[in-house]
C-alpha atoms as a PDB file:
ATOM      1  CA  MET A   1      -5.860 158.474  59.140  1.00  0.00           C
ATOM      2  CA  GLY A   2      -9.388 156.689  58.843  1.00  0.00           C
ATOM      3  CA  THR A   3      -8.262 153.840  60.118  1.00  0.00           C
ATOM      4  CA  GLU A   4      -9.848 153.821  63.537  1.00  0.00           C
ATOM      5  CA  LYS A   5     -12.969 151.697  63.792  1.00  0.00           C
ATOM      6  CA  LYS A   6     -16.198 153.090  65.516  1.00  0.00           C
ATOM      7  CA  TYR A   7     -17.476 150.354  67.303  1.00  0.00           C
ATOM      8  CA  ILE A   8     -21.124 150.297  68.125  1.00  0.00           C
ATOM      9  CA  LEU A   9     -21.116 147.014  69.916  1.00  0.00           C
ATOM     10  CA  SER A  10     -18.026 145.729  71.898  1.00  0.00           C
ATOM     11  CA  ARG A  11     -18.021 141.316  72.652  1.00  0.00           C
ATOM     12  CA  GLU A  12     -19.566 141.817  75.820  1.00  0.00           C
ATOM     13  CA  VAL A  13     -22.152 143.969  74.017  1.00  0.00           C
ATOM     14  CA  VAL A  14     -22.489 141.682  71.568  1.00  0.00           C
ATOM     15  CA  GLU A  15     -22.495 139.166  74.150  1.00  0.00           C
ATOM     16  CA  LYS A  16     -25.939 139.923  76.636  1.00  0.00           C
ATOM     17  CA  LYS A  17     -27.502 141.023  73.283  1.00  0.00           C
ATOM     18  CA  LEU A  18     -27.223 137.565  71.713  1.00  0.00           C
ATOM     19  CA  ARG A  19     -28.086 136.144  75.475  1.00  0.00           C
ATOM     20  CA  ARG A  20     -31.297 138.191  75.117  1.00  0.00           C
ATOM     21  CA  MET A  21     -32.104 137.350  72.144  1.00  0.00           C
ATOM     22  CA  ALA A  22     -32.019 133.704  73.139  1.00  0.00           C
ATOM     23  CA  TYR A  23     -33.877 134.108  75.747  1.00  0.00           C
ATOM     24  CA  GLU A  24     -36.439 135.655  73.333  1.00  0.00           C
ATOM     25  CA  ILE A  25     -36.272 133.120  71.396  1.00  0.00           C
ATOM     26  CA  LEU A  26     -37.359 130.588  73.981  1.00  0.00           C
ATOM     27  CA  GLU A  27     -40.237 132.417  75.007  1.00  0.00           C
ATOM     28  CA  ASN A  28     -41.566 133.108  72.294  1.00  0.00           C
ATOM     29  CA  ASN A  29     -41.264 128.971  70.922  1.00  0.00           C
ATOM     30  CA  ILE A  30     -42.010 127.717  74.752  1.00  0.00           C
ATOM     31  CA  ASP A  31     -44.414 124.735  73.610  1.00  0.00           C
ATOM     32  CA  GLU A  32     -42.046 123.572  70.983  1.00  0.00           C
ATOM     33  CA  LYS A  33     -39.933 120.403  71.315  1.00  0.00           C
ATOM     34  CA  ALA A  34     -37.844 122.057  68.297  1.00  0.00           C
ATOM     35  CA  ILE A  35     -36.110 124.574  66.452  1.00  0.00           C
ATOM     36  CA  ILE A  36     -34.097 124.946  63.304  1.00  0.00           C
ATOM     37  CA  LEU A  37     -31.540 127.359  63.167  1.00  0.00           C
ATOM     38  CA  ALA A  38     -30.794 128.418  59.665  1.00  0.00           C
ATOM     39  CA  GLY A  39     -27.645 131.017  59.911  1.00  0.00           C
ATOM     40  CA  ILE A  40     -26.800 133.082  56.883  1.00  0.00           C
ATOM     41  CA  ARG A  41     -23.332 132.049  55.527  1.00  0.00           C
ATOM     42  CA  GLU A  42     -19.892 134.090  56.943  1.00  0.00           C
ATOM     43  CA  SER A  43     -20.983 135.731  60.361  1.00  0.00           C
ATOM     44  CA  GLY A  44     -24.823 134.797  60.027  1.00  0.00           C
ATOM     45  CA  SER A  45     -23.724 131.095  60.742  1.00  0.00           C
ATOM     46  CA  VAL A  46     -21.408 132.468  64.006  1.00  0.00           C
ATOM     47  CA  VAL A  47     -24.110 134.160  65.167  1.00  0.00           C
ATOM     48  CA  ALA A  48     -26.652 130.830  64.921  1.00  0.00           C
ATOM     49  CA  ARG A  49     -23.832 129.287  66.400  1.00  0.00           C
ATOM     50  CA  VAL A  50     -23.519 131.476  69.649  1.00  0.00           C
ATOM     51  CA  ILE A  51     -27.399 131.122  69.846  1.00  0.00           C
ATOM     52  CA  GLN A  52     -27.595 127.630  69.242  1.00  0.00           C
ATOM     53  CA  LYS A  53     -24.792 127.144  72.224  1.00  0.00           C
ATOM     54  CA  MET A  54     -27.054 129.668  74.586  1.00  0.00           C
ATOM     55  CA  LEU A  55     -30.121 127.741  73.970  1.00  0.00           C
ATOM     56  CA  GLY A  56     -28.166 124.557  74.994  1.00  0.00           C
ATOM     57  CA  GLU A  57     -27.356 126.192  78.336  1.00  0.00           C
ATOM     58  CA  ILE A  58     -31.213 128.022  79.126  1.00  0.00           C
ATOM     59  CA  SER A  59     -33.107 124.977  77.718  1.00  0.00           C
ATOM     60  CA  SER A  60     -33.241 121.706  76.847  1.00  0.00           C
ATOM     61  CA  ILE A  61     -35.355 122.629  73.978  1.00  0.00           C
ATOM     62  CA  LYS A  62     -33.679 120.448  70.797  1.00  0.00           C
ATOM     63  CA  THR A  63     -31.775 122.479  67.979  1.00  0.00           C
ATOM     64  CA  GLU A  64     -30.952 121.709  64.616  1.00  0.00           C
ATOM     65  CA  LEU A  65     -28.481 123.680  62.763  1.00  0.00           C
ATOM     66  CA  ILE A  66     -28.071 124.592  59.084  1.00  0.00           C
ATOM     67  CA  THR A  67     -26.361 126.757  56.432  1.00  0.00           C
ATOM     68  CA  ILE A  68     -27.866 129.017  54.043  1.00  0.00           C
ATOM     69  CA  THR A  69     -25.145 129.975  51.125  1.00  0.00           C
ATOM     70  CA  LEU A  70     -26.104 132.681  48.535  1.00  0.00           C
ATOM     71  CA  ASP A  71     -24.458 135.413  47.094  1.00  0.00           C
ATOM     72  CA  LYS A  72     -25.669 138.787  48.595  1.00  0.00           C
ATOM     73  CA  LYS A  73     -25.253 141.159  46.013  1.00  0.00           C
ATOM     74  CA  GLU A  74     -26.667 138.609  43.699  1.00  0.00           C
ATOM     75  CA  PRO A  75     -28.747 136.148  45.629  1.00  0.00           C
ATOM     76  CA  THR A  76     -30.393 134.371  43.039  1.00  0.00           C
ATOM     77  CA  ASP A  77     -29.068 130.374  43.591  1.00  0.00           C
ATOM     78  CA  VAL A  78     -29.912 129.966  47.711  1.00  0.00           C
ATOM     79  CA  SER A  79     -28.888 126.416  48.799  1.00  0.00           C
ATOM     80  CA  LEU A  80     -29.114 125.037  52.541  1.00  0.00           C
ATOM     81  CA  SER A  81     -26.140 122.541  54.205  1.00  0.00           C
ATOM     82  CA  LYS A  82     -29.034 119.955  54.925  1.00  0.00           C
ATOM     83  CA  SER A  83     -32.096 119.087  53.302  1.00  0.00           C
ATOM     84  CA  PHE A  84     -35.335 118.462  55.682  1.00  0.00           C
ATOM     85  CA  ASP A  85     -38.945 118.095  55.854  1.00  0.00           C
ATOM     86  CA  PHE A  86     -39.670 121.515  57.023  1.00  0.00           C
ATOM     87  CA  ASN A  87     -43.208 121.445  57.087  1.00  0.00           C
ATOM     88  CA  GLU A  88     -44.754 121.900  60.626  1.00  0.00           C
ATOM     89  CA  LYS A  89     -40.837 123.146  61.493  1.00  0.00           C
ATOM     90  CA  VAL A  90     -39.980 126.388  63.464  1.00  0.00           C
ATOM     91  CA  ILE A  91     -37.226 128.395  61.941  1.00  0.00           C
ATOM     92  CA  VAL A  92     -34.895 130.902  62.969  1.00  0.00           C
ATOM     93  CA  VAL A  93     -33.150 132.413  59.793  1.00  0.00           C
ATOM     94  CA  ILE A  94     -30.254 134.460  61.443  1.00  0.00           C
ATOM     95  CA  ASP A  95     -27.963 137.642  60.011  1.00  0.00           C
ATOM     96  CA  ASP A  96     -25.451 139.580  61.235  1.00  0.00           C
ATOM     97  CA  VAL A  97     -26.859 142.931  59.598  1.00  0.00           C
ATOM     98  CA  SER A  98     -30.383 143.800  57.968  1.00  0.00           C
ATOM     99  CA  ASN A  99     -29.646 146.279  55.635  1.00  0.00           C
ATOM    100  CA  SER A 100     -32.181 146.497  52.748  1.00  0.00           C
ATOM    101  CA  GLY A 101     -33.693 143.129  53.278  1.00  0.00           C
ATOM    102  CA  LYS A 102     -33.037 141.359  50.519  1.00  0.00           C
ATOM    103  CA  THR A 103     -30.705 139.350  51.096  1.00  0.00           C
ATOM    104  CA  LEU A 104     -33.353 138.020  54.067  1.00  0.00           C
ATOM    105  CA  LEU A 105     -35.699 137.392  51.817  1.00  0.00           C
ATOM    106  CA  TYR A 106     -34.024 135.736  49.170  1.00  0.00           C
ATOM    107  CA  ALA A 107     -32.953 133.249  52.347  1.00  0.00           C
ATOM    108  CA  LEU A 108     -37.015 131.997  52.939  1.00  0.00           C
ATOM    109  CA  LYS A 109     -36.582 131.180  49.441  1.00  0.00           C
ATOM    110  CA  PRO A 110     -35.685 127.367  50.327  1.00  0.00           C
ATOM    111  CA  PHE A 111     -38.620 127.012  52.822  1.00  0.00           C
ATOM    112  CA  ILE A 112     -41.312 128.149  50.915  1.00  0.00           C
ATOM    113  CA  ALA A 113     -41.757 124.853  49.477  1.00  0.00           C
ATOM    114  CA  PHE A 114     -42.939 124.045  52.294  1.00  0.00           C
ATOM    115  CA  HIS A 115     -45.740 124.716  54.967  1.00  0.00           C
ATOM    116  CA  PRO A 116     -43.471 125.276  58.270  1.00  0.00           C
ATOM    117  CA  LYS A 117     -45.444 126.320  61.289  1.00  0.00           C
ATOM    118  CA  LYS A 118     -43.676 129.607  62.127  1.00  0.00           C
ATOM    119  CA  ILE A 119     -40.173 131.235  60.308  1.00  0.00           C
ATOM    120  CA  GLN A 120     -39.384 134.095  62.772  1.00  0.00           C
ATOM    121  CA  ILE A 121     -35.783 136.068  62.057  1.00  0.00           C
ATOM    122  CA  LEU A 122     -32.757 137.462  63.865  1.00  0.00           C
ATOM    123  CA  VAL A 123     -30.238 139.845  62.786  1.00  0.00           C
ATOM    124  CA  LEU A 124     -27.609 141.397  65.149  1.00  0.00           C
ATOM    125  CA  VAL A 125     -27.584 145.020  63.898  1.00  0.00           C
ATOM    126  CA  GLU A 126     -30.695 146.544  61.630  1.00  0.00           C
ATOM    127  CA  ARG A 127     -30.111 148.938  60.140  1.00  0.00           C
ATOM    128  CA  THR A 128     -32.799 151.471  58.567  1.00  0.00           C
ATOM    129  CA  HIS A 129     -32.795 151.012  55.462  1.00  0.00           C
ATOM    130  CA  THR A 130     -35.381 148.422  54.421  1.00  0.00           C
ATOM    131  CA  SER A 131     -36.502 148.277  50.711  1.00  0.00           C
ATOM    132  CA  PHE A 132     -37.892 144.774  50.855  1.00  0.00           C
ATOM    133  CA  PRO A 133     -40.802 143.389  53.360  1.00  0.00           C
ATOM    134  CA  VAL A 134     -38.847 141.865  56.049  1.00  0.00           C
ATOM    135  CA  ARG A 135     -38.522 142.951  59.577  1.00  0.00           C
ATOM    136  CA  PRO A 136     -36.503 140.854  61.485  1.00  0.00           C
ATOM    137  CA  ASP A 137     -38.173 139.452  65.084  1.00  0.00           C
ATOM    138  CA  TYR A 138     -35.440 139.664  67.001  1.00  0.00           C
ATOM    139  CA  VAL A 139     -32.813 142.925  66.903  1.00  0.00           C
ATOM    140  CA  GLY A 140     -29.472 143.119  68.595  1.00  0.00           C
ATOM    141  CA  LEU A 141     -29.600 146.815  67.570  1.00  0.00           C
ATOM    142  CA  SER A 142     -31.416 148.959  65.733  1.00  0.00           C
ATOM    143  CA  ILE A 143     -29.011 151.834  64.039  1.00  0.00           C
ATOM    144  CA  ALA A 144     -30.071 154.701  62.133  1.00  0.00           C
ATOM    145  CA  THR A 145     -27.059 155.126  59.552  1.00  0.00           C
ATOM    146  CA  THR A 146     -26.312 157.196  56.384  1.00  0.00           C
ATOM    147  CA  ILE A 147     -27.003 154.792  52.727  1.00  0.00           C
ATOM    148  CA  GLN A 148     -23.354 155.394  52.707  1.00  0.00           C
ATOM    149  CA  GLU A 149     -22.085 154.070  56.275  1.00  0.00           C
ATOM    150  CA  HIS A 150     -21.363 150.458  56.096  1.00  0.00           C
ATOM    151  CA  ILE A 151     -22.478 147.819  59.817  1.00  0.00           C
ATOM    152  CA  PHE A 152     -19.162 145.285  59.636  1.00  0.00           C
ATOM    153  CA  VAL A 153     -19.645 142.296  62.271  1.00  0.00           C
ATOM    154  CA  GLU A 154     -16.088 140.783  63.135  1.00  0.00           C
ATOM    155  CA  VAL A 155     -16.211 136.965  63.999  1.00  0.00           C
ATOM    156  CA  LYS A 156     -13.153 135.179  65.035  1.00  0.00           C
ATOM    157  CA  GLY A 157     -13.461 131.400  65.077  1.00  0.00           C
ATOM    158  CA  GLU A 158     -17.049 130.603  66.855  1.00  0.00           C
ATOM    159  CA  GLU A 159     -17.300 133.385  68.402  1.00  0.00           C
ATOM    160  CA  VAL A 160     -18.291 137.628  67.829  1.00  0.00           C
ATOM    161  CA  THR A 161     -16.199 140.213  68.961  1.00  0.00           C
ATOM    162  CA  GLY A 162     -18.062 143.022  68.168  1.00  0.00           C
ATOM    163  CA  ALA A 163     -19.620 145.601  65.422  1.00  0.00           C
ATOM    164  CA  TYR A 164     -18.204 148.972  63.958  1.00  0.00           C
ATOM    165  CA  LEU A 165     -19.517 151.486  61.751  1.00  0.00           C
ATOM    166  CA  LYS A 166     -17.344 152.199  58.564  1.00  0.00           C
END
């Protein structure tokens, strides 16, 4: 009993929401030659790869994919899979779920030493329990939950297969 998952997003709906957000990224960055997609490890990186693939299908904009690694519970050390000169670049930080905003806030840390043109944030699911002043620019689904409930995004290989509430 209690093992039944309460899905809030199916594979098909995830696909539609990610595609819509890819179009929004394109619309908001139509004059850019390149965008850096920075996925937060693990699930955020998968979402970032899906977004990169979709952007490649709908536009000729160049995308560079990097991975942000941090401990989501104690995010003091934040590292990037590649170093760049982020000055005057457009960066989209990508994660699966936004809870309090803490992870997203700390994920911005490596970019603060530079002067990016803009930093945008994309999350598949946004919860309404923000404790930190970080608001996503692109949201697949915004959902009100209790503090005790958790949202899990399922990934399998290079695919997001759904999201459920527990």
